[in-house]
Protein backbone atom coordinates (compact mmCIF):
# COMPACT_ATOMS: atom_id res chain seq x y z
CA MET A 1 150.10 112.28 57.04
CA GLU A 2 152.20 113.04 60.14
CA ASN A 3 149.39 112.74 62.70
CA SER A 4 147.68 109.66 61.31
CA LEU A 5 147.06 106.73 63.61
CA LYS A 6 148.01 103.21 62.58
CA TYR A 7 146.02 100.24 63.82
CA ILE A 8 147.27 96.73 64.43
CA ILE A 9 144.66 94.17 63.46
CA ASP A 10 144.53 90.68 64.94
CA GLU A 11 143.85 87.48 63.03
CA HIS A 12 140.09 88.03 63.44
CA GLY A 13 140.21 91.46 61.83
CA GLN A 14 139.69 93.24 65.17
CA LYS A 15 141.75 96.27 66.13
CA SER A 16 144.06 95.18 68.93
CA SER A 17 146.52 98.08 69.22
CA VAL A 18 147.20 101.50 67.87
CA LEU A 19 150.38 103.33 66.96
CA VAL A 20 150.25 107.01 67.78
CA PRO A 21 152.74 109.54 66.44
CA ILE A 22 155.00 110.81 69.23
CA LYS A 23 153.83 114.42 68.83
CA VAL A 24 150.21 113.34 69.34
CA TRP A 25 151.22 111.12 72.27
CA GLU A 26 153.05 113.98 73.99
CA GLU A 27 150.06 116.31 73.53
CA LEU A 28 147.76 113.65 74.97
CA ASN A 29 150.02 113.26 77.99
CA VAL A 30 150.19 117.02 78.61
CA ASN A 31 146.40 117.24 78.47
CA TYR A 32 146.04 114.17 80.68
CA ARG A 33 148.29 115.70 83.37
CA LYS A 34 146.31 118.96 83.26
CA LEU A 35 143.05 117.06 83.69
CA GLN A 36 144.50 115.05 86.59
CA LYS A 37 145.44 118.28 88.38
CA LYS A 38 141.93 119.66 87.84
CA ILE A 39 140.44 116.47 89.24
CA GLU A 40 142.65 116.70 92.34
CA ILE A 41 141.55 120.31 92.91
CA LEU A 42 137.88 119.49 92.45
CA GLU A 43 138.14 116.49 94.78
CA GLY A 44 139.79 118.72 97.40
CA ILE A 45 136.98 121.25 97.09
CA GLY A 46 134.43 118.44 97.42
CA GLU A 47 136.12 117.13 100.56
CA GLY A 48 136.16 120.63 102.03
CA LEU A 49 132.46 121.10 101.32
CA GLU A 50 131.69 117.75 102.96
CA GLU A 51 133.70 118.77 106.01
CA VAL A 52 131.78 122.04 106.29
CA SER A 53 128.47 120.24 105.89
CA LYS A 54 129.34 117.71 108.61
CA ALA A 55 130.58 120.46 110.91
CA ARG A 56 127.33 122.38 110.51
CA LYS A 57 125.29 119.27 111.29
CA THR A 58 127.29 118.48 114.43
CA GLY A 59 127.78 122.07 115.55
CA LYS A 60 131.56 121.78 115.32
CA LYS A 61 133.34 125.14 115.11
CA LEU A 62 135.58 125.47 112.08
CA GLU A 63 138.65 127.63 111.75
CA THR A 64 138.07 130.78 109.74
CA LEU A 65 140.29 131.69 106.80
CA GLN A 66 141.52 134.71 108.73
CA ASP A 67 142.54 132.51 111.67
CA PHE A 68 144.15 130.01 109.33
CA LEU A 69 146.26 132.73 107.70
CA LYS A 70 147.55 133.92 111.08
């Protein structure tokens, strides 16, 4: 089986490592990078929402999108 994992067992019979076929490893890495980008975007949105919330509480005027784009 091309995609089968192989486990390395220690002297106590416990799994200590795993060998992953390169194709599976590459797919995992692609998916991991995509998830990291999504996390960065969601964290940025969260920070923006916090900034808006703090600005509303303190009465600070925020720049509008229209002003930002100018």
